[in-house]
């Protein structure tokens, strides 16, 4: 619940900041236009294609496909790329680092995956915790609620690579001793996603928030985890 509230707060702050920036940019453009029209009535300003792209909303129906590159903050913290094939379908690929602190209990329980029951877990340290995700999304416009707002749902696949160091006790020749070993674990599974995206800015940027449901199918079949985050993408 704390993670969800934090995500909502971040998204609202992002939307307010970019809305303020967009309004400022729009006001500035209007002043320039008025001044120029006064100086020369017969030479109205002609706006280049690149300039129109900046000052207009980005999701124009006849402008597909689009590409989006940005950062997602949450679980995982990742670089994100989104390919907007058309108005309703998109592909999203994320790669980054898992929020390892949210998995502390789970990682301590994984100790016996590497060691026999005669060993005794003491502590662990995560050396690397990489996550890769690929998702196919179906998008639904919500223009009747707000221009530039859309919901999306999708399915995907997630790959997780963990490098972890365990400190533990074990009996060797009848004497208790302390040991320290590093292990690597690769697993993967299916993923479901639900998200919301907002793009009605005067600059080519979209803000999004999403929740993901991961279901492990390889190392720990049936293990599930709620993930997600908020982020921004530059769209071109």
C-alpha atoms as a PDB file:
ATOM      1  CA  UNK A   1       0.000   0.000   0.000  1.00  0.00           C
ATOM      2  CA  UNK A   2       2.866   2.381   0.858  1.00  0.00           C
ATOM      3  CA  UNK A   3       4.451   1.712  -2.561  1.00  0.00           C
ATOM      4  CA  UNK A   4       1.151   2.460  -4.351  1.00  0.00           C
ATOM      5  CA  UNK A   5       0.634   5.757  -2.505  1.00  0.00           C
ATOM      6  CA  UNK A   6       4.213   6.798  -3.262  1.00  0.00           C
ATOM      7  CA  UNK A   7       3.745   5.959  -6.948  1.00  0.00           C
ATOM      8  CA  UNK A   8       0.528   8.003  -7.155  1.00  0.00           C
ATOM      9  CA  UNK A   9       2.209  10.978  -5.454  1.00  0.00           C
ATOM     10  CA  UNK A  10       5.153  10.851  -7.878  1.00  0.00           C
ATOM     11  CA  UNK A  11       2.867  10.668 -10.897  1.00  0.00           C
ATOM     12  CA  UNK A  12       0.770  13.636  -9.746  1.00  0.00           C
ATOM     13  CA  UNK A  13       3.929  15.686  -9.167  1.00  0.00           C
ATOM     14  CA  UNK A  14       5.198  14.816 -12.645  1.00  0.00           C
ATOM     15  CA  UNK A  15       1.916  15.784 -14.275  1.00  0.00           C
ATOM     16  CA  UNK A  16       1.714  19.106 -12.405  1.00  0.00           C
ATOM     17  CA  UNK A  17       5.317  20.000 -13.233  1.00  0.00           C
ATOM     18  CA  UNK A  18       4.992  19.294 -16.941  1.00  0.00           C
ATOM     19  CA  UNK A  19       1.602  20.992 -17.194  1.00  0.00           C
ATOM     20  CA  UNK A  20       3.102  24.140 -15.661  1.00  0.00           C
ATOM     21  CA  UNK A  21       6.064  23.985 -18.022  1.00  0.00           C
ATOM     22  CA  UNK A  22       3.792  23.484 -21.025  1.00  0.00           C
ATOM     23  CA  UNK A  23       1.609  26.472 -20.139  1.00  0.00           C
ATOM     24  CA  UNK A  24       4.685  28.649 -19.728  1.00  0.00           C
ATOM     25  CA  UNK A  25       6.007  27.587 -23.117  1.00  0.00           C
ATOM     26  CA  UNK A  26       2.648  28.242 -24.748  1.00  0.00           C
ATOM     27  CA  UNK A  27       2.385  31.757 -23.271  1.00  0.00           C
ATOM     28  CA  UNK A  28       5.870  32.590 -24.436  1.00  0.00           C
ATOM     29  CA  UNK A  29       5.089  31.467 -27.982  1.00  0.00           C
ATOM     30  CA  UNK A  30       1.954  33.637 -28.072  1.00  0.00           C
ATOM     31  CA  UNK A  31       3.911  36.778 -27.130  1.00  0.00           C
ATOM     32  CA  UNK A  32       6.406  36.226 -29.915  1.00  0.00           C
ATOM     33  CA  UNK A  33       3.673  35.723 -32.491  1.00  0.00           C
ATOM     34  CA  UNK A  34       1.806  38.925 -31.479  1.00  0.00           C
ATOM     35  CA  UNK A  35       4.925  41.024 -31.653  1.00  0.00           C
ATOM     36  CA  UNK A  36       5.897  39.722 -35.086  1.00  0.00           C
ATOM     37  CA  UNK A  37       2.425  40.314 -36.511  1.00  0.00           C
ATOM     38  CA  UNK A  38       2.558  43.949 -35.433  1.00  0.00           C
ATOM     39  CA  UNK A  39       5.872  44.568 -37.188  1.00  0.00           C
ATOM     40  CA  UNK A  40       4.863  43.019 -40.533  1.00  0.00           C
ATOM     41  CA  UNK A  41       1.246  42.227 -41.374  1.00  0.00           C
ATOM     42  CA  UNK A  42       2.091  40.572 -44.694  1.00  0.00           C
ATOM     43  CA  UNK A  43       4.598  37.967 -43.427  1.00  0.00           C
ATOM     44  CA  UNK A  44       2.901  35.678 -40.887  1.00  0.00           C
ATOM     45  CA  UNK A  45       5.188  33.278 -39.012  1.00  0.00           C
ATOM     46  CA  UNK A  46       5.618  29.907 -40.690  1.00  0.00           C
ATOM     47  CA  UNK A  47       6.297  27.166 -38.170  1.00  0.00           C
ATOM     48  CA  UNK A  48       8.652  24.353 -39.158  1.00  0.00           C
ATOM     49  CA  UNK A  49       7.661  20.681 -38.890  1.00  0.00           C
ATOM     50  CA  UNK A  50      10.026  20.130 -35.966  1.00  0.00           C
ATOM     51  CA  UNK A  51       8.602  23.119 -34.112  1.00  0.00           C
ATOM     52  CA  UNK A  52       5.015  21.922 -34.638  1.00  0.00           C
ATOM     53  CA  UNK A  53       5.997  18.589 -33.140  1.00  0.00           C
ATOM     54  CA  UNK A  54       7.175  20.303 -29.954  1.00  0.00           C
ATOM     55  CA  UNK A  55       4.218  22.602 -29.359  1.00  0.00           C
ATOM     56  CA  UNK A  56       1.439  20.121 -30.278  1.00  0.00           C
ATOM     57  CA  UNK A  57       0.157  17.013 -28.431  1.00  0.00           C
ATOM     58  CA  UNK A  58       2.169  14.001 -29.534  1.00  0.00           C
ATOM     59  CA  UNK A  59      -0.430  11.265 -30.050  1.00  0.00           C
ATOM     60  CA  UNK A  60      -1.892  12.364 -33.374  1.00  0.00           C
ATOM     61  CA  UNK A  61      -3.800   9.528 -35.053  1.00  0.00           C
ATOM     62  CA  UNK A  62      -1.991   9.836 -38.389  1.00  0.00           C
ATOM     63  CA  UNK A  63       1.445  10.122 -36.770  1.00  0.00           C
ATOM     64  CA  UNK A  64       2.026   6.468 -35.837  1.00  0.00           C
ATOM     65  CA  UNK A  65       4.299   4.652 -35.275  1.00  0.00           C
ATOM     66  CA  UNK A  66       6.024   6.404 -32.356  1.00  0.00           C
ATOM     67  CA  UNK A  67       9.029   5.454 -30.228  1.00  0.00           C
ATOM     68  CA  UNK A  68       9.438   6.265 -26.542  1.00  0.00           C
ATOM     69  CA  UNK A  69      12.627   6.105 -24.453  1.00  0.00           C
ATOM     70  CA  UNK A  70      12.834   6.920 -20.759  1.00  0.00           C
ATOM     71  CA  UNK A  71      13.225   5.812 -17.151  1.00  0.00           C
ATOM     72  CA  UNK A  72      10.929   3.871 -14.825  1.00  0.00           C
ATOM     73  CA  UNK A  73      11.290   4.291 -11.048  1.00  0.00           C
ATOM     74  CA  UNK A  74      10.047   1.451  -8.863  1.00  0.00           C
ATOM     75  CA  UNK A  75      10.436  -2.306  -9.088  1.00  0.00           C
ATOM     76  CA  UNK A  76      12.429  -2.550 -11.222  1.00  0.00           C
ATOM     77  CA  UNK A  77      14.324   0.723 -11.602  1.00  0.00           C
ATOM     78  CA  UNK A  78      14.856   0.494 -15.329  1.00  0.00           C
ATOM     79  CA  UNK A  79      15.508   1.996 -18.707  1.00  0.00           C
ATOM     80  CA  UNK A  80      12.310   1.666 -20.716  1.00  0.00           C
ATOM     81  CA  UNK A  81      11.559   1.599 -24.443  1.00  0.00           C
ATOM     82  CA  UNK A  82       8.064   1.593 -25.928  1.00  0.00           C
ATOM     83  CA  UNK A  83       7.110   1.113 -29.561  1.00  0.00           C
ATOM     84  CA  UNK A  84       3.679   2.578 -30.327  1.00  0.00           C
ATOM     85  CA  UNK A  85       2.697   0.552 -33.409  1.00  0.00           C
ATOM     86  CA  UNK A  86      -0.726   2.172 -33.749  1.00  0.00           C
ATOM     87  CA  UNK A  87      -3.468   3.709 -31.640  1.00  0.00           C
ATOM     88  CA  UNK A  88      -4.285   0.476 -29.817  1.00  0.00           C
ATOM     89  CA  UNK A  89      -1.186  -1.744 -29.818  1.00  0.00           C
ATOM     90  CA  UNK A  90       2.308  -1.232 -28.416  1.00  0.00           C
ATOM     91  CA  UNK A  91       5.383  -3.193 -27.331  1.00  0.00           C
ATOM     92  CA  UNK A  92       7.274  -2.289 -24.151  1.00  0.00           C
ATOM     93  CA  UNK A  93      10.785  -3.455 -23.192  1.00  0.00           C
ATOM     94  CA  UNK A  94      12.369  -2.632 -19.798  1.00  0.00           C
ATOM     95  CA  UNK A  95      15.790  -3.502 -18.414  1.00  0.00           C
ATOM     96  CA  UNK A  96      17.107  -2.569 -15.002  1.00  0.00           C
ATOM     97  CA  UNK A  97      17.688  -3.450 -11.376  1.00  0.00           C
ATOM     98  CA  UNK A  98      15.168  -5.069  -9.067  1.00  0.00           C
ATOM     99  CA  UNK A  99      14.227  -3.393  -5.770  1.00  0.00           C
ATOM    100  CA  UNK A 100      16.166  -6.008  -3.777  1.00  0.00           C
ATOM    101  CA  UNK A 101      15.009  -4.702  -0.407  1.00  0.00           C
ATOM    102  CA  UNK A 102      11.468  -5.853  -1.208  1.00  0.00           C
ATOM    103  CA  UNK A 103      12.725  -9.430  -1.648  1.00  0.00           C
ATOM    104  CA  UNK A 104      14.840  -9.775   1.502  1.00  0.00           C
ATOM    105  CA  UNK A 105      12.685 -12.451   3.132  1.00  0.00           C
ATOM    106  CA  UNK A 106      12.359 -14.387  -0.110  1.00  0.00           C
ATOM    107  CA  UNK A 107      16.126 -14.322  -0.705  1.00  0.00           C
ATOM    108  CA  UNK A 108      16.843 -15.591   2.789  1.00  0.00           C
ATOM    109  CA  UNK A 109      14.490 -18.521   2.117  1.00  0.00           C
ATOM    110  CA  UNK A 110      16.358 -19.302  -1.113  1.00  0.00           C
ATOM    111  CA  UNK A 111      19.433 -20.215   0.940  1.00  0.00           C
ATOM    112  CA  UNK A 112      18.417 -23.878   1.132  1.00  0.00           C
ATOM    113  CA  UNK A 113      18.175 -24.008  -2.645  1.00  0.00           C
ATOM    114  CA  UNK A 114      22.001 -23.855  -2.604  1.00  0.00           C
ATOM    115  CA  UNK A 115      22.866 -25.490   0.720  1.00  0.00           C
ATOM    116  CA  UNK A 116      21.766 -28.690   2.520  1.00  0.00           C
ATOM    117  CA  UNK A 117      19.443 -28.531   5.508  1.00  0.00           C
ATOM    118  CA  UNK A 118      22.395 -29.224   7.844  1.00  0.00           C
ATOM    119  CA  UNK A 119      23.693 -25.694   7.116  1.00  0.00           C
ATOM    120  CA  UNK A 120      22.364 -22.723   9.044  1.00  0.00           C
ATOM    121  CA  UNK A 121      21.599 -19.403   7.330  1.00  0.00           C
ATOM    122  CA  UNK A 122      23.195 -16.304   8.902  1.00  0.00           C
ATOM    123  CA  UNK A 123      22.889 -13.399   6.414  1.00  0.00           C
ATOM    124  CA  UNK A 124      22.987 -12.505   2.748  1.00  0.00           C
ATOM    125  CA  UNK A 125      24.166  -9.697   0.474  1.00  0.00           C
ATOM    126  CA  UNK A 126      22.813  -9.062  -3.024  1.00  0.00           C
ATOM    127  CA  UNK A 127      25.642  -8.506  -5.502  1.00  0.00           C
ATOM    128  CA  UNK A 128      23.468  -8.015  -8.612  1.00  0.00           C
ATOM    129  CA  UNK A 129      19.755  -8.314  -9.291  1.00  0.00           C
ATOM    130  CA  UNK A 130      18.967  -7.665 -12.957  1.00  0.00           C
ATOM    131  CA  UNK A 131      15.508  -7.800 -14.513  1.00  0.00           C
ATOM    132  CA  UNK A 132      14.471  -7.788 -18.172  1.00  0.00           C
ATOM    133  CA  UNK A 133      10.846  -7.454 -19.300  1.00  0.00           C
ATOM    134  CA  UNK A 134       9.075  -7.556 -22.672  1.00  0.00           C
ATOM    135  CA  UNK A 135       5.331  -6.822 -22.897  1.00  0.00           C
ATOM    136  CA  UNK A 136       2.657  -6.582 -25.592  1.00  0.00           C
ATOM    137  CA  UNK A 137       0.072  -3.930 -24.706  1.00  0.00           C
ATOM    138  CA  UNK A 138      -3.462  -3.061 -25.754  1.00  0.00           C
ATOM    139  CA  UNK A 139      -4.256   0.646 -25.280  1.00  0.00           C
ATOM    140  CA  UNK A 140      -7.646   2.268 -24.721  1.00  0.00           C
ATOM    141  CA  UNK A 141      -8.071   6.022 -25.141  1.00  0.00           C
ATOM    142  CA  UNK A 142      -9.869   7.921 -22.376  1.00  0.00           C
ATOM    143  CA  UNK A 143     -10.344  11.243 -24.193  1.00  0.00           C
ATOM    144  CA  UNK A 144     -13.810  11.662 -22.666  1.00  0.00           C
ATOM    145  CA  UNK A 145     -12.125  11.861 -19.253  1.00  0.00           C
ATOM    146  CA  UNK A 146      -9.071  13.901 -20.269  1.00  0.00           C
ATOM    147  CA  UNK A 147      -7.274  14.545 -23.601  1.00  0.00           C
ATOM    148  CA  UNK A 148      -4.094  12.500 -23.879  1.00  0.00           C
ATOM    149  CA  UNK A 149      -5.139   9.980 -21.221  1.00  0.00           C
ATOM    150  CA  UNK A 150      -5.153   6.258 -21.949  1.00  0.00           C
ATOM    151  CA  UNK A 151      -5.358   2.969 -20.069  1.00  0.00           C
ATOM    152  CA  UNK A 152      -3.516  -0.150 -21.167  1.00  0.00           C
ATOM    153  CA  UNK A 153      -3.376  -3.840 -20.320  1.00  0.00           C
ATOM    154  CA  UNK A 154      -0.972  -6.480 -21.531  1.00  0.00           C
ATOM    155  CA  UNK A 155       0.937  -9.702 -21.113  1.00  0.00           C
ATOM    156  CA  UNK A 156       4.647 -10.351 -21.216  1.00  0.00           C
ATOM    157  CA  UNK A 157       7.678 -12.308 -20.115  1.00  0.00           C
ATOM    158  CA  UNK A 158      10.198 -11.497 -17.388  1.00  0.00           C
ATOM    159  CA  UNK A 159      13.755 -12.783 -16.888  1.00  0.00           C
ATOM    160  CA  UNK A 160      15.514 -12.350 -13.527  1.00  0.00           C
ATOM    161  CA  UNK A 161      19.237 -12.822 -12.847  1.00  0.00           C
ATOM    162  CA  UNK A 162      20.394 -12.837  -9.213  1.00  0.00           C
ATOM    163  CA  UNK A 163      23.922 -12.899  -7.814  1.00  0.00           C
ATOM    164  CA  UNK A 164      23.851 -13.328  -4.060  1.00  0.00           C
ATOM    165  CA  UNK A 165      26.369 -13.957  -1.288  1.00  0.00           C
ATOM    166  CA  UNK A 166      25.398 -16.007   1.773  1.00  0.00           C
ATOM    167  CA  UNK A 167      27.066 -16.179   5.168  1.00  0.00           C
ATOM    168  CA  UNK A 168      26.193 -19.382   6.992  1.00  0.00           C
ATOM    169  CA  UNK A 169      27.294 -22.027   9.476  1.00  0.00           C
ATOM    170  CA  UNK A 170      27.923 -25.642   8.621  1.00  0.00           C
ATOM    171  CA  UNK A 171      29.352 -28.695  10.334  1.00  0.00           C
ATOM    172  CA  UNK A 172      32.559 -29.916   8.785  1.00  0.00           C
ATOM    173  CA  UNK A 173      34.105 -32.962  10.404  1.00  0.00           C
ATOM    174  CA  UNK A 174      31.953 -32.417  13.454  1.00  0.00           C
ATOM    175  CA  UNK A 175      33.085 -28.807  14.056  1.00  0.00           C
ATOM    176  CA  UNK A 176      30.844 -25.748  13.443  1.00  0.00           C
ATOM    177  CA  UNK A 177      32.469 -23.284  11.022  1.00  0.00           C
ATOM    178  CA  UNK A 178      31.461 -20.082   9.301  1.00  0.00           C
ATOM    179  CA  UNK A 179      31.313 -20.098   5.487  1.00  0.00           C
ATOM    180  CA  UNK A 180      30.754 -17.460   2.814  1.00  0.00           C
ATOM    181  CA  UNK A 181      29.839 -18.334  -0.774  1.00  0.00           C
ATOM    182  CA  UNK A 182      28.422 -16.501  -3.786  1.00  0.00           C
ATOM    183  CA  UNK A 183      25.759 -18.028  -6.018  1.00  0.00           C
ATOM    184  CA  UNK A 184      24.012 -17.100  -9.257  1.00  0.00           C
ATOM    185  CA  UNK A 185      20.362 -17.788 -10.049  1.00  0.00           C
ATOM    186  CA  UNK A 186      18.541 -17.314 -13.374  1.00  0.00           C
ATOM    187  CA  UNK A 187      14.781 -17.665 -13.560  1.00  0.00           C
ATOM    188  CA  UNK A 188      11.867 -16.415 -15.656  1.00  0.00           C
ATOM    189  CA  UNK A 189       8.113 -16.349 -15.872  1.00  0.00           C
ATOM    190  CA  UNK A 190       4.918 -14.817 -17.229  1.00  0.00           C
ATOM    191  CA  UNK A 191       3.723 -11.332 -16.504  1.00  0.00           C
ATOM    192  CA  UNK A 192       0.478  -9.369 -16.603  1.00  0.00           C
ATOM    193  CA  UNK A 193       0.391  -5.568 -16.611  1.00  0.00           C
ATOM    194  CA  UNK A 194      -2.135  -2.758 -16.093  1.00  0.00           C
ATOM    195  CA  UNK A 195      -1.193   0.878 -16.551  1.00  0.00           C
ATOM    196  CA  UNK A 196      -2.221   4.464 -17.179  1.00  0.00           C
ATOM    197  CA  UNK A 197      -0.402   6.916 -19.451  1.00  0.00           C
ATOM    198  CA  UNK A 198      -0.792  10.676 -19.918  1.00  0.00           C
ATOM    199  CA  UNK A 199       0.618  12.533 -22.911  1.00  0.00           C
ATOM    200  CA  UNK A 200      -1.204  15.855 -23.363  1.00  0.00           C
ATOM    201  CA  UNK A 201       1.843  18.078 -22.946  1.00  0.00           C
ATOM    202  CA  UNK A 202       3.254  20.820 -25.179  1.00  0.00           C
ATOM    203  CA  UNK A 203       6.506  18.857 -25.305  1.00  0.00           C
ATOM    204  CA  UNK A 204       6.930  15.280 -26.649  1.00  0.00           C
ATOM    205  CA  UNK A 205       6.903  13.524 -23.266  1.00  0.00           C
ATOM    206  CA  UNK A 206       4.553  10.958 -21.738  1.00  0.00           C
ATOM    207  CA  UNK A 207       4.136  10.098 -18.055  1.00  0.00           C
ATOM    208  CA  UNK A 208       2.975   6.664 -16.966  1.00  0.00           C
ATOM    209  CA  UNK A 209       2.221   4.510 -13.947  1.00  0.00           C
ATOM    210  CA  UNK A 210       1.810   0.719 -14.063  1.00  0.00           C
ATOM    211  CA  UNK A 211       1.306  -2.385 -11.931  1.00  0.00           C
ATOM    212  CA  UNK A 212       2.690  -5.791 -12.917  1.00  0.00           C
ATOM    213  CA  UNK A 213       1.951  -9.314 -11.715  1.00  0.00           C
ATOM    214  CA  UNK A 214       4.855 -11.752 -12.054  1.00  0.00           C
ATOM    215  CA  UNK A 215       4.426 -15.556 -11.962  1.00  0.00           C
ATOM    216  CA  UNK A 216       7.615 -17.632 -11.780  1.00  0.00           C
ATOM    217  CA  UNK A 217       7.659 -20.697 -14.021  1.00  0.00           C
ATOM    218  CA  UNK A 218      11.229 -22.034 -13.774  1.00  0.00           C
ATOM    219  CA  UNK A 219      13.111 -21.968 -10.443  1.00  0.00           C
ATOM    220  CA  UNK A 220      10.179 -21.542  -8.083  1.00  0.00           C
ATOM    221  CA  UNK A 221       6.974 -22.411  -9.995  1.00  0.00           C
ATOM    222  CA  UNK A 222       3.942 -20.718  -8.542  1.00  0.00           C
ATOM    223  CA  UNK A 223       5.820 -17.932  -6.750  1.00  0.00           C
ATOM    224  CA  UNK A 224       4.220 -14.561  -7.490  1.00  0.00           C
ATOM    225  CA  UNK A 225       5.097 -10.914  -6.929  1.00  0.00           C
ATOM    226  CA  UNK A 226       3.364  -7.557  -7.449  1.00  0.00           C
ATOM    227  CA  UNK A 227       5.692  -5.074  -9.143  1.00  0.00           C
ATOM    228  CA  UNK A 228       5.389  -1.698 -10.828  1.00  0.00           C
ATOM    229  CA  UNK A 229       6.476   1.925 -10.925  1.00  0.00           C
ATOM    230  CA  UNK A 230       6.124   5.366 -12.464  1.00  0.00           C
ATOM    231  CA  UNK A 231       8.151   6.960 -15.227  1.00  0.00           C
ATOM    232  CA  UNK A 232       8.655   9.355 -18.104  1.00  0.00           C
ATOM    233  CA  UNK A 233       9.429   8.729 -21.780  1.00  0.00           C
ATOM    234  CA  UNK A 234      10.624  11.073 -24.515  1.00  0.00           C
ATOM    235  CA  UNK A 235       8.500  10.269 -27.558  1.00  0.00           C
ATOM    236  CA  UNK A 236       9.641  10.714 -31.155  1.00  0.00           C
END
